Amino acid sequence: MTNHHVAVSGRQGQRILRLYHLYRLLIGFALVLLISSDLDGQLLELTNSQLFRYSSWTYLAVNVIAIASMHRVDRLTPLFSLALFDVVQLCVLFYAAGGTPSGIGNLIIVAVAVANILLRGRIGFLIAAVAAAGIIYLTFYLSISNSAASNQFMQAGILGTLCFAAALFVQGLSRRLRASEVLAEQRASDVANLEELNAVVIQRMRTGIVVMDSMHRVLQANQSALTMIGYEKLQGRILDPHFPALINSLEQWLNNPALRTPPIQTTKNSTQLQASFVQLQNDHSSQILIFLEDTSQLNQHAQQLKLVSLGRLTAGIAHEIRNPLGAISHAAQLLHESTHLDAADQRLTQIIQDQSRRMNTVIENVLQLSRQRQAEPQLLDLKYWLHRFASEFRSSVHPNRILHLTTKGSGLQTRMDPHQLDQVLSNLVENGMRYSGKLNSQSQVWLHLYRHPQTDLPTLEIHDDGPGVPLNDQQNIFEPFFTTENKGTGLGLYISRELCESNQARLDYSPRESGGSCFKITFAHPHKMSV
């Protein structure tokens, strides 16, 4: 016999088994109490009194042992044995008490019904068959020794029929309950999976999501919101002291829901956030749903669209611009070589040539963006690659320009297009050398490669000892065409960041406490990079 005949399991089965134990224990105590009183003298006039006494004590003792030893409902053999003993022992009591007038037949029907709750299919019907056969056979046996019992065959047949009816009814009801339970468990599992999926989606969204109650207590916040605000944990805290600018925007929105609040500044970094609010109403409380968008990403997306349009325009008219620009540059060069010009005219021709070259550089950079090829990432050992880059750079520059390189840790690998990484690093090193030379007789740049202790990602820092970027310009240095020099095009850093992001790396800027600038490239994990 296998466990698939067990009808119920889990907590529900344990609960039914405990009730079954309690029911049999109460019946046993009632029988023992009956035989211990003076009532059994009148009740058992036509019965075997001695057998009834022994059977009652046996029924109570076995049930006490079963209660102490049987706690699991997922084993068929103990359940079947317990149900069979219960029916057989009640049949013995039925015989000893004189048959159907004793009323014990009703207890047998209850025992059959409970057995069919715990057991399903043919096993349950076998218990009903044993009970019906026991009632009818023992009634027949009683009629042999007691002629008055011959009138009980009708009642015995009815009791036997009721045993099968109880088994059929209970099993049908159990099947419906099991089907409802399976459906409820399936739906609960679907709901739990959906909630888990929603939680994962919310946590991985780039949009920050915060849910607050009417007291401004944070009920939920996803990881993007925590990163934007600058805290590791906010759930359960009042948001007012942590982000007062957001609360001010919320109050403005509550006064005028049609108002689009201006971008707000976080207290822990310079990120600008655009907040939007939704009021959630339910029967018990009012909640506020807050969406936070990083405006730098929105601005960057707008700039990309603008630059794509500009690139297409430039690609279309580049030929028309280059021809007259080349003619102007060539004429200025010939004019500059003339011996009839004085110093002032020579200076003017030099300006024409310089500005022509600058215009050509701008056109080349924009064309490069418009036809930028797709990145082809390769598995790079950054330590080896950087040593080779530093060696090639040192061999091709003036001795007055010094490049330092330090590496820390092992297994510093990533997936990146080596040609694009060379373009990014060459641009950053050249910028550092140029700005370092403004304050020092020797231009120096430091490259420091290490594994970030928190993200465990390879990180490269490019330091210089120049004047650094003014505080007001730090937010704009990665914007296209933004430059602090008259001769710059303002596309170098923008192209560098775009190339990093196309390889799932990130380029950031931070000032150095000792002076100068620090650009940091955070590389992607070599095995977690999506294709």
Protein backbone atom coordinates (compact mmCIF):
# COMPACT_ATOMS: atom_id res chain seq x y z
CA MET A 1 0.00 0.00 0.00
CA THR A 2 1.35 3.41 -0.98
CA ASN A 3 0.91 6.86 0.46
CA HIS A 4 -1.22 8.11 -2.45
CA HIS A 5 -4.21 6.53 -0.61
CA VAL A 6 -3.78 9.11 2.19
CA ALA A 7 -6.49 11.72 1.62
CA VAL A 8 -5.15 14.64 3.61
CA SER A 9 -1.69 15.79 4.64
CA GLY A 10 0.11 18.74 6.07
CA ARG A 11 -1.43 20.94 8.74
CA GLN A 12 -5.00 20.09 7.78
CA GLY A 13 -4.32 16.36 8.10
CA GLN A 14 -2.62 16.87 11.47
CA ARG A 15 -5.61 18.84 12.70
CA ILE A 16 -8.10 16.14 11.60
CA LEU A 17 -5.93 13.41 13.17
CA ARG A 18 -5.83 15.28 16.50
CA LEU A 19 -9.62 15.67 16.46
CA TYR A 20 -9.98 11.96 15.65
CA HIS A 21 -7.72 11.08 18.61
CA LEU A 22 -9.72 13.34 20.89
CA TYR A 23 -13.04 11.85 19.70
CA ARG A 24 -11.91 8.26 20.34
CA LEU A 25 -10.44 9.22 23.70
CA LEU A 26 -13.76 10.75 24.78
CA ILE A 27 -15.66 7.64 23.62
CA GLY A 28 -13.23 5.44 25.53
CA PHE A 29 -13.61 7.47 28.73
CA ALA A 30 -17.39 7.44 28.32
CA LEU A 31 -17.43 3.65 27.99
CA VAL A 32 -15.15 3.15 30.99
CA LEU A 33 -17.26 5.58 33.01
CA LEU A 34 -20.37 3.63 31.99
CA ILE A 35 -19.03 0.25 33.10
CA SER A 36 -17.72 1.76 36.34
CA SER A 37 -21.16 3.03 37.36
CA ASP A 38 -24.39 1.29 38.27
CA LEU A 39 -25.97 2.08 34.90
CA ASP A 40 -24.45 -0.93 33.14
CA GLY A 41 -26.56 -3.33 35.22
CA GLN A 42 -29.72 -2.19 33.49
CA LEU A 43 -28.12 -1.47 30.12
CA LEU A 44 -26.49 -4.82 29.66
CA GLU A 45 -29.29 -7.18 30.56
CA LEU A 46 -29.05 -8.93 27.19
CA THR A 47 -25.27 -8.60 26.62
CA ASN A 48 -22.02 -10.23 27.55
CA SER A 49 -21.13 -7.93 30.41
CA GLN A 50 -17.64 -9.31 30.92
CA LEU A 51 -16.72 -8.92 27.23
CA PHE A 52 -18.11 -5.38 27.23
CA ARG A 53 -15.95 -4.43 30.23
CA TYR A 54 -12.76 -5.88 28.75
CA SER A 55 -13.44 -4.37 25.33
CA SER A 56 -14.09 -0.92 26.82
CA TRP A 57 -10.81 -0.93 28.74
CA THR A 58 -8.97 -2.27 25.69
CA TYR A 59 -10.49 0.45 23.49
CA LEU A 60 -9.40 3.18 25.93
CA ALA A 61 -5.89 1.76 26.45
CA VAL A 62 -5.15 1.30 22.75
CA ASN A 63 -6.40 4.80 21.98
CA VAL A 64 -4.19 6.31 24.68
CA ILE A 65 -1.19 4.47 23.19
CA ALA A 66 -2.14 5.63 19.68
CA ILE A 67 -2.40 9.24 20.84
CA ALA A 68 1.06 9.05 22.42
CA SER A 69 2.79 7.31 19.51
CA MET A 70 0.98 8.34 16.31
CA HIS A 71 1.52 11.94 15.24
CA ARG A 72 2.08 11.72 11.50
CA VAL A 73 -0.69 11.63 8.94
CA ASP A 74 1.40 10.88 5.83
CA ARG A 75 1.90 7.15 6.56
CA LEU A 76 -0.78 4.83 5.24
CA THR A 77 -0.14 1.68 7.29
CA PRO A 78 -0.54 3.26 10.78
CA LEU A 79 -3.67 5.13 9.64
CA PHE A 80 -5.23 2.03 8.13
CA SER A 81 -4.36 -0.03 11.20
CA LEU A 82 -5.86 2.58 13.53
CA ALA A 83 -9.12 2.85 11.50
CA LEU A 84 -9.42 -0.94 11.22
CA PHE A 85 -8.89 -1.40 14.97
CA ASP A 86 -11.43 1.32 15.72
CA VAL A 87 -14.13 -0.34 13.58
CA VAL A 88 -13.37 -3.89 14.77
CA GLN A 89 -13.31 -2.90 18.44
CA LEU A 90 -16.58 -0.98 18.10
CA CYS A 91 -18.10 -4.01 16.40
CA VAL A 92 -17.04 -6.14 19.39
CA LEU A 93 -18.64 -3.59 21.72
CA PHE A 94 -21.71 -3.60 19.43
CA TYR A 95 -21.99 -7.39 19.90
CA ALA A 96 -21.29 -7.27 23.65
CA ALA A 97 -23.88 -4.53 24.17
CA GLY A 98 -26.64 -6.50 22.49
CA GLY A 99 -26.63 -5.24 18.91
CA THR A 100 -28.56 -2.36 17.39
CA PRO A 101 -30.56 -1.32 20.52
CA SER A 102 -27.29 -0.31 22.22
CA GLY A 103 -26.72 2.61 19.78
CA ILE A 104 -23.06 1.67 19.26
CA GLY A 105 -23.84 1.15 15.57
CA ASN A 106 -24.01 4.93 15.28
CA LEU A 107 -20.46 5.15 16.64
CA ILE A 108 -19.37 2.66 13.96
CA ILE A 109 -20.83 4.89 11.23
CA VAL A 110 -18.95 7.90 12.66
CA ALA A 111 -15.75 5.86 12.75
CA VAL A 112 -16.23 4.85 9.09
CA ALA A 113 -16.86 8.49 8.11
CA VAL A 114 -13.71 9.74 9.87
CA ALA A 115 -11.66 6.90 8.38
CA ASN A 116 -12.79 7.94 4.89
CA ILE A 117 -11.72 11.50 5.63
CA LEU A 118 -8.19 10.26 6.33
CA LEU A 119 -8.13 7.46 3.71
CA ARG A 120 -9.23 7.67 0.10
CA GLY A 121 -10.42 5.29 -2.59
CA ARG A 122 -10.66 1.53 -2.05
CA ILE A 123 -8.88 1.65 1.30
CA GLY A 124 -11.69 3.79 2.73
CA PHE A 125 -14.35 1.54 1.21
CA LEU A 126 -12.58 -1.49 2.71
CA ILE A 127 -13.09 0.01 6.18
CA ALA A 128 -16.79 0.56 5.36
CA ALA A 129 -17.09 -3.06 4.14
CA VAL A 130 -15.49 -4.41 7.33
CA ALA A 131 -17.89 -2.32 9.44
CA ALA A 132 -20.99 -3.38 7.46
CA ALA A 133 -19.94 -7.04 7.46
CA GLY A 134 -19.21 -6.90 11.19
CA ILE A 135 -22.61 -5.40 12.02
CA ILE A 136 -24.58 -7.88 9.90
CA TYR A 137 -22.55 -10.97 10.91
CA LEU A 138 -22.61 -10.16 14.63
CA THR A 139 -26.37 -9.49 14.46
CA PHE A 140 -26.80 -12.92 12.86
CA TYR A 141 -24.56 -14.46 15.54
CA LEU A 142 -26.63 -12.77 18.26
CA SER A 143 -29.87 -14.13 16.75
CA ILE A 144 -28.60 -17.70 17.18
CA SER A 145 -28.09 -17.34 20.92
CA ASN A 146 -30.89 -14.85 21.53
CA SER A 147 -34.15 -15.16 19.63
CA ALA A 148 -35.07 -11.53 20.39
CA ALA A 149 -32.12 -10.38 18.26
CA SER A 150 -33.72 -11.85 15.13
CA ASN A 151 -35.79 -8.69 14.87
CA GLN A 152 -32.63 -6.55 14.41
CA PHE A 153 -31.75 -7.62 10.84
CA MET A 154 -33.56 -4.65 9.30
CA GLN A 155 -31.75 -2.17 11.57
CA ALA A 156 -28.43 -3.97 10.95
CA GLY A 157 -28.93 -3.76 7.18
CA ILE A 158 -29.71 -0.09 7.47
CA LEU A 159 -26.58 0.46 9.58
CA GLY A 160 -24.45 -1.41 7.00
CA THR A 161 -25.96 0.62 4.19
CA LEU A 162 -25.29 3.82 6.14
CA CYS A 163 -21.66 2.80 6.49
CA PHE A 164 -21.25 2.69 2.71
CA ALA A 165 -23.34 5.84 2.30
CA ALA A 166 -21.15 7.65 4.81
CA ALA A 167 -18.03 6.46 2.99
CA LEU A 168 -19.36 7.61 -0.40
CA PHE A 169 -20.55 10.97 0.90
CA VAL A 170 -17.36 11.74 2.84
CA GLN A 171 -15.09 10.71 -0.02
CA GLY A 172 -17.06 12.83 -2.48
CA LEU A 173 -16.93 15.77 -0.12
CA SER A 174 -13.22 15.17 0.49
CA ARG A 175 -12.53 15.15 -3.25
CA ARG A 176 -14.23 18.51 -3.63
CA LEU A 177 -12.36 19.89 -0.65
CA ARG A 178 -9.07 18.56 -2.01
CA ALA A 179 -9.76 20.07 -5.42
CA SER A 180 -10.58 23.40 -3.78
CA GLU A 181 -7.47 23.16 -1.63
CA VAL A 182 -5.25 22.37 -4.64
CA LEU A 183 -6.79 25.27 -6.56
CA ALA A 184 -6.30 27.59 -3.59
CA GLU A 185 -2.69 26.47 -3.18
CA GLN A 186 -2.06 26.95 -6.90
CA ARG A 187 -3.55 30.41 -6.84
CA ALA A 188 -1.65 31.27 -3.68
CA SER A 189 1.53 30.06 -5.36
CA ASP A 190 0.73 32.13 -8.46
CA VAL A 191 0.08 35.18 -6.32
CA ALA A 192 3.30 34.60 -4.36
CA ASN A 193 5.28 34.18 -7.60
CA LEU A 194 3.66 37.30 -9.03
CA GLU A 195 4.47 39.27 -5.87
CA GLU A 196 8.05 38.01 -5.99
CA LEU A 197 8.31 38.94 -9.67
CA ASN A 198 6.86 42.39 -8.97
CA ALA A 199 9.32 42.85 -6.11
CA VAL A 200 12.24 41.90 -8.37
CA VAL A 201 11.01 44.20 -11.15
CA ILE A 202 10.54 47.10 -8.73
CA GLN A 203 13.95 46.56 -7.17
CA ARG A 204 15.66 46.47 -10.57
CA MET A 205 13.87 49.44 -12.05
CA ARG A 206 16.08 52.43 -12.80
CA THR A 207 13.25 54.67 -11.67
CA GLY A 208 13.31 55.26 -7.92
CA ILE A 209 10.08 54.26 -6.16
CA VAL A 210 9.17 55.34 -2.63
CA VAL A 211 5.88 54.69 -0.81
CA MET A 212 5.08 56.88 2.22
CA ASP A 213 2.17 57.11 4.62
CA SER A 214 0.47 60.32 5.70
CA MET A 215 3.13 60.85 8.40
CA HIS A 216 5.89 60.72 5.74
CA ARG A 217 7.08 57.36 7.05
CA VAL A 218 8.72 55.24 4.33
CA LEU A 219 6.79 52.02 3.80
CA GLN A 220 8.78 50.78 0.83
CA ALA A 221 11.71 51.98 -1.28
CA ASN A 222 13.50 50.17 -4.07
CA GLN A 223 17.26 50.05 -4.53
CA SER A 224 17.32 52.79 -7.18
CA ALA A 225 15.58 55.20 -4.81
CA LEU A 226 18.02 54.38 -2.00
CA THR A 227 20.96 54.94 -4.34
CA MET A 228 19.58 58.26 -5.59
CA ILE A 229 18.81 59.54 -2.09
CA GLY A 230 22.09 58.24 -0.70
CA TYR A 231 20.99 55.87 2.08
CA GLU A 232 21.30 52.13 2.52
CA LYS A 233 17.97 51.78 4.37
CA LEU A 234 14.93 54.04 4.73
CA GLN A 235 12.03 51.68 5.44
CA GLY A 236 10.23 52.65 8.63
CA ARG A 237 11.93 56.05 8.88
CA ILE A 238 10.41 59.51 8.66
CA LEU A 239 11.71 61.03 5.41
CA ASP A 240 11.61 64.70 6.49
CA PRO A 241 15.09 64.88 8.10
CA HIS A 242 16.70 62.69 5.42
CA PHE A 243 15.42 64.47 2.31
CA PRO A 244 13.73 67.80 3.15
CA ALA A 245 13.88 68.97 -0.48
CA LEU A 246 11.64 66.08 -1.51
CA ILE A 247 9.13 66.91 1.23
CA ASN A 248 9.04 70.53 0.04
CA SER A 249 8.30 69.34 -3.50
CA LEU A 250 5.56 67.08 -2.12
CA GLU A 251 3.93 70.01 -0.32
CA GLN A 252 4.04 72.09 -3.52
CA TRP A 253 2.40 69.23 -5.41
CA LEU A 254 -0.30 68.80 -2.76
CA ASN A 255 -1.15 72.50 -3.06
CA ASN A 256 -1.28 72.24 -6.85
CA PRO A 257 -1.36 68.67 -8.27
CA ALA A 258 -1.11 70.02 -11.83
CA LEU A 259 2.27 71.59 -11.01
CA ARG A 260 5.44 69.96 -12.31
CA THR A 261 7.92 70.44 -9.49
CA PRO A 262 11.44 71.61 -10.36
CA PRO A 263 14.40 69.21 -10.09
CA ILE A 264 15.68 68.71 -6.55
CA GLN A 265 19.17 68.17 -5.22
CA THR A 266 20.06 65.30 -2.94
CA THR A 267 21.81 66.04 0.31
CA LYS A 268 24.60 63.51 -0.12
CA ASN A 269 25.64 63.99 -3.73
CA SER A 270 25.15 66.36 -6.59
CA THR A 271 22.59 64.25 -8.48
CA GLN A 272 19.52 66.15 -9.63
CA LEU A 273 16.23 64.28 -9.36
CA GLN A 274 12.85 64.89 -10.91
CA ALA A 275 10.05 63.77 -8.58
CA SER A 276 6.46 62.94 -9.50
CA PHE A 277 3.74 61.99 -7.04
CA VAL A 278 0.60 59.82 -6.98
CA GLN A 279 -1.83 59.74 -4.05
CA LEU A 280 -3.11 56.27 -3.12
CA GLN A 281 -6.39 56.05 -1.23
CA ASN A 282 -7.73 53.00 0.61
CA ASP A 283 -10.30 52.33 3.30
CA HIS A 284 -7.96 52.85 6.22
CA SER A 285 -5.19 55.29 5.25
CA SER A 286 -3.74 57.58 2.62
CA GLN A 287 -0.38 56.84 1.00
CA ILE A 288 1.89 58.71 -1.39
CA LEU A 289 3.67 56.98 -4.25
CA ILE A 290 6.81 58.85 -5.38
CA PHE A 291 8.68 58.29 -8.63
CA LEU A 292 12.26 59.60 -8.81
CA GLU A 293 14.04 60.07 -12.14
CA ASP A 294 17.72 60.94 -12.50
CA THR A 295 17.66 64.06 -14.67
CA SER A 296 21.23 63.46 -15.76
CA GLN A 297 20.10 60.33 -17.58
CA LEU A 298 17.18 62.19 -19.16
CA ASN A 299 19.48 65.04 -20.20
CA GLN A 300 21.99 62.58 -21.54
CA HIS A 301 19.30 60.86 -23.60
CA ALA A 302 18.16 64.21 -24.97
CA GLN A 303 21.75 65.11 -25.79
CA GLN A 304 22.21 61.81 -27.57
CA LEU A 305 19.17 62.46 -29.71
CA LYS A 306 20.43 65.98 -30.40
CA LEU A 307 23.86 64.70 -31.28
CA VAL A 308 22.49 62.01 -33.58
CA SER A 309 20.53 64.66 -35.44
CA LEU A 310 23.58 66.87 -35.53
CA GLY A 311 25.71 63.99 -36.76
CA ARG A 312 23.30 63.25 -39.58
CA LEU A 313 23.22 66.90 -40.54
CA THR A 314 27.00 67.16 -40.38
CA ALA A 315 27.47 64.00 -42.42
CA GLY A 316 25.22 65.49 -45.07
CA ILE A 317 26.95 68.82 -45.37
CA ALA A 318 30.51 67.78 -44.42
CA HIS A 319 31.56 67.67 -48.03
CA GLU A 320 30.12 71.14 -48.69
CA ILE A 321 31.90 72.56 -45.62
CA ARG A 322 35.21 70.78 -46.08
CA ASN A 323 35.81 71.98 -49.63
CA PRO A 324 35.59 75.72 -48.88
CA LEU A 325 37.27 75.16 -45.50
CA GLY A 326 40.16 73.39 -47.21
CA ALA A 327 40.39 76.20 -49.75
CA ILE A 328 40.45 78.82 -46.97
CA SER A 329 43.12 76.90 -45.05
CA HIS A 330 45.24 76.39 -48.16
CA ALA A 331 44.95 80.05 -49.18
CA ALA A 332 45.89 81.15 -45.68
CA GLN A 333 48.90 78.86 -45.75
CA LEU A 334 50.07 80.30 -49.11
CA LEU A 335 49.45 83.81 -47.87
CA HIS A 336 51.42 83.07 -44.71
CA GLU A 337 54.42 81.99 -46.83
CA SER A 338 54.40 85.29 -48.71
CA THR A 339 57.39 87.59 -48.05
CA HIS A 340 55.38 90.78 -48.62
CA LEU A 341 53.31 90.54 -45.43
CA ASP A 342 54.23 92.37 -42.28
CA ALA A 343 54.06 90.81 -38.80
CA ALA A 344 50.42 91.81 -38.19
CA ASP A 345 49.25 90.23 -41.42
CA GLN A 346 51.29 87.13 -40.67
CA ARG A 347 49.51 86.88 -37.31
CA LEU A 348 46.10 87.15 -39.01
CA THR A 349 46.91 84.36 -41.46
CA GLN A 350 48.06 82.20 -38.55
CA ILE A 351 44.71 82.79 -36.81
CA ILE A 352 42.89 81.74 -39.99
CA GLN A 353 44.85 78.50 -40.13
CA ASP A 354 44.36 77.73 -36.43
CA GLN A 355 40.61 78.29 -36.56
CA SER A 356 40.32 76.30 -39.80
CA ARG A 357 42.05 73.35 -38.11
CA ARG A 358 39.73 73.70 -35.12
CA MET A 359 36.65 73.68 -37.35
CA ASN A 360 37.96 70.60 -39.12
CA THR A 361 38.54 68.86 -35.77
CA VAL A 362 34.94 69.57 -34.70
CA ILE A 363 33.66 68.14 -37.98
CA GLU A 364 35.85 65.04 -37.59
CA ASN A 365 34.63 64.43 -34.02
CA VAL A 366 30.97 64.81 -34.90
CA LEU A 367 31.40 62.55 -37.92
CA GLN A 368 33.10 60.01 -35.68
CA LEU A 369 30.04 59.99 -33.41
CA SER A 370 27.63 59.68 -36.32
CA ARG A 371 29.43 56.65 -37.75
CA GLN A 372 30.65 55.15 -34.47
CA ARG A 373 30.95 51.39 -34.88
CA GLN A 374 29.38 48.84 -32.55
CA ALA A 375 31.56 47.76 -29.64
CA GLU A 376 33.21 44.35 -29.95
CA PRO A 377 34.04 43.40 -26.34
CA GLN A 378 36.88 41.00 -25.67
CA LEU A 379 38.07 39.41 -22.45
CA LEU A 380 40.90 41.65 -21.27
CA ASP A 381 43.43 41.14 -18.49
CA LEU A 382 43.47 44.77 -17.37
CA LYS A 383 46.76 44.51 -15.51
CA TYR A 384 48.61 43.18 -18.57
CA TRP A 385 46.79 45.53 -20.94
CA LEU A 386 47.59 48.64 -18.84
CA HIS A 387 51.27 47.75 -18.55
CA ARG A 388 51.44 47.47 -22.34
CA PHE A 389 49.54 50.75 -22.77
CA ALA A 390 51.89 52.56 -20.34
CA SER A 391 54.95 51.15 -22.09
CA GLU A 392 53.78 52.30 -25.52
CA PHE A 393 52.79 55.73 -24.17
CA ARG A 394 56.17 56.30 -22.47
CA SER A 395 58.08 55.34 -25.59
CA SER A 396 56.26 57.92 -27.73
CA VAL A 397 56.15 61.05 -25.52
CA HIS A 398 58.60 63.67 -24.32
CA PRO A 399 60.61 62.72 -21.21
CA ASN A 400 59.03 65.69 -19.48
CA ARG A 401 55.71 63.82 -19.44
CA ILE A 402 55.63 61.02 -16.85
CA LEU A 403 53.00 58.30 -16.58
CA HIS A 404 52.82 56.31 -13.31
CA LEU A 405 51.04 52.95 -13.04
CA THR A 406 50.12 50.94 -9.92
CA THR A 407 47.96 47.81 -9.75
CA LYS A 408 46.53 46.03 -6.73
CA GLY A 409 44.96 42.58 -6.64
CA SER A 410 44.68 39.76 -9.13
CA GLY A 411 42.09 38.47 -11.56
CA LEU A 412 41.32 42.01 -12.77
CA GLN A 413 39.48 41.11 -15.94
CA THR A 414 36.62 42.63 -17.92
CA ARG A 415 35.02 42.46 -21.35
CA MET A 416 35.66 45.59 -23.42
CA ASP A 417 36.61 46.61 -26.93
CA PRO A 418 40.40 47.13 -26.68
CA HIS A 419 40.46 49.79 -29.42
CA GLN A 420 37.74 51.82 -27.69
CA LEU A 421 39.45 51.43 -24.30
CA ASP A 422 42.70 52.69 -25.89
CA GLN A 423 40.81 55.70 -27.28
CA VAL A 424 39.22 56.49 -23.89
CA LEU A 425 42.44 56.11 -21.90
CA SER A 426 44.52 58.07 -24.41
CA ASN A 427 42.05 60.94 -24.21
CA LEU A 428 41.99 60.96 -20.40
CA VAL A 429 45.78 60.70 -20.06
CA GLU A 430 46.34 63.48 -22.63
CA ASN A 431 43.89 65.71 -20.77
CA GLY A 432 45.63 64.98 -17.47
CA MET A 433 49.06 65.71 -18.95
CA ARG A 434 47.84 68.98 -20.43
CA TYR A 435 46.29 70.24 -17.18
CA SER A 436 49.19 68.99 -15.07
CA GLY A 437 51.61 70.99 -17.22
CA LYS A 438 49.72 74.20 -16.41
CA LEU A 439 50.89 74.15 -12.78
CA ASN A 440 54.06 72.08 -12.90
CA SER A 441 57.25 71.99 -14.89
CA GLN A 442 56.74 68.24 -15.29
CA SER A 443 53.44 66.80 -16.48
CA GLN A 444 52.40 63.74 -14.45
CA VAL A 445 49.45 61.36 -14.55
CA TRP A 446 48.84 58.41 -12.20
CA LEU A 447 46.97 55.26 -13.19
CA HIS A 448 45.73 53.12 -10.30
CA LEU A 449 44.00 49.79 -11.00
CA TYR A 450 42.26 47.89 -8.17
CA ARG A 451 39.17 45.90 -7.27
CA HIS A 452 36.47 48.01 -5.63
CA PRO A 453 35.84 46.70 -2.08
CA GLN A 454 32.06 47.18 -2.23
CA THR A 455 31.08 46.28 -5.81
CA ASP A 456 33.98 43.82 -6.38
CA LEU A 457 34.36 45.31 -9.88
CA PRO A 458 37.68 46.26 -11.54
CA THR A 459 38.20 50.02 -11.18
CA LEU A 460 40.75 52.31 -12.84
CA GLU A 461 41.48 55.79 -11.50
CA ILE A 462 43.28 58.43 -13.61
CA HIS A 463 44.78 61.16 -11.40
CA ASP A 464 46.57 64.37 -12.29
CA ASP A 465 48.01 67.22 -10.23
CA GLY A 466 46.57 70.04 -12.30
CA PRO A 467 44.18 72.80 -11.21
CA GLY A 468 41.11 70.51 -11.32
CA VAL A 469 37.67 71.32 -12.65
CA PRO A 470 35.83 74.28 -11.09
CA LEU A 471 32.89 73.25 -8.90
CA ASN A 472 30.34 74.99 -11.13
CA ASP A 473 31.60 73.12 -14.21
CA GLN A 474 31.78 69.61 -12.75
CA GLN A 475 28.19 68.77 -13.68
CA ASN A 476 28.73 69.79 -17.31
CA ILE A 477 32.09 68.29 -18.24
CA PHE A 478 30.52 65.25 -19.93
CA GLU A 479 28.11 67.33 -22.01
CA PRO A 480 28.88 67.60 -25.73
CA PHE A 481 30.57 70.82 -26.87
CA PHE A 482 31.20 71.95 -23.28
CA THR A 483 34.78 73.15 -22.87
CA THR A 484 36.75 75.47 -20.60
CA GLU A 485 39.44 76.15 -23.22
CA ASN A 486 39.31 78.30 -26.28
CA LYS A 487 40.96 75.62 -28.40
CA GLY A 488 38.88 72.67 -27.14
CA THR A 489 35.97 71.09 -28.99
CA GLY A 490 34.13 69.83 -25.90
CA LEU A 491 33.64 66.34 -27.32
CA GLY A 492 36.54 64.38 -25.84
CA LEU A 493 35.01 63.53 -22.46
CA TYR A 494 31.57 63.02 -23.98
CA ILE A 495 32.96 60.51 -26.49
CA SER A 496 34.93 58.78 -23.72
CA ARG A 497 31.83 58.30 -21.56
CA GLU A 498 29.81 57.10 -24.56
CA LEU A 499 32.47 54.53 -25.40
CA CYS A 500 32.53 53.33 -21.78
CA GLU A 501 28.77 52.97 -21.62
CA SER A 502 28.69 51.07 -24.91
CA ASN A 503 30.95 48.52 -23.15
CA GLN A 504 28.81 48.57 -19.96
CA ALA A 505 31.50 50.44 -18.07
CA ARG A 506 31.02 53.77 -16.28
CA LEU A 507 33.14 56.92 -16.35
CA ASP A 508 32.83 59.37 -13.44
CA TYR A 509 34.67 62.45 -12.21
CA SER A 510 35.61 63.44 -8.67
CA PRO A 511 37.98 66.15 -7.44
CA ARG A 512 41.06 65.18 -5.45
CA GLU A 513 41.46 66.50 -1.92
CA SER A 514 45.15 67.19 -2.58
CA GLY A 515 44.31 69.07 -5.78
CA GLY A 516 43.84 68.00 -9.35
CA SER A 517 41.29 65.73 -10.98
CA CYS A 518 40.36 62.08 -10.74
CA PHE A 519 38.49 60.23 -13.47
CA LYS A 520 37.28 56.77 -12.47
CA ILE A 521 36.34 53.96 -14.87
CA THR A 522 34.28 51.17 -13.31
CA PHE A 523 34.45 48.13 -15.58
CA ALA A 524 31.78 45.49 -16.05
CA HIS A 525 32.06 42.02 -14.54
CA PRO A 526 33.55 39.70 -17.19
CA HIS A 527 30.86 37.02 -16.62
CA LYS A 528 27.79 39.21 -16.04
CA MET A 529 27.93 41.30 -19.17
CA SER A 530 24.85 40.99 -21.37
CA VAL A 531 25.29 40.49 -25.08
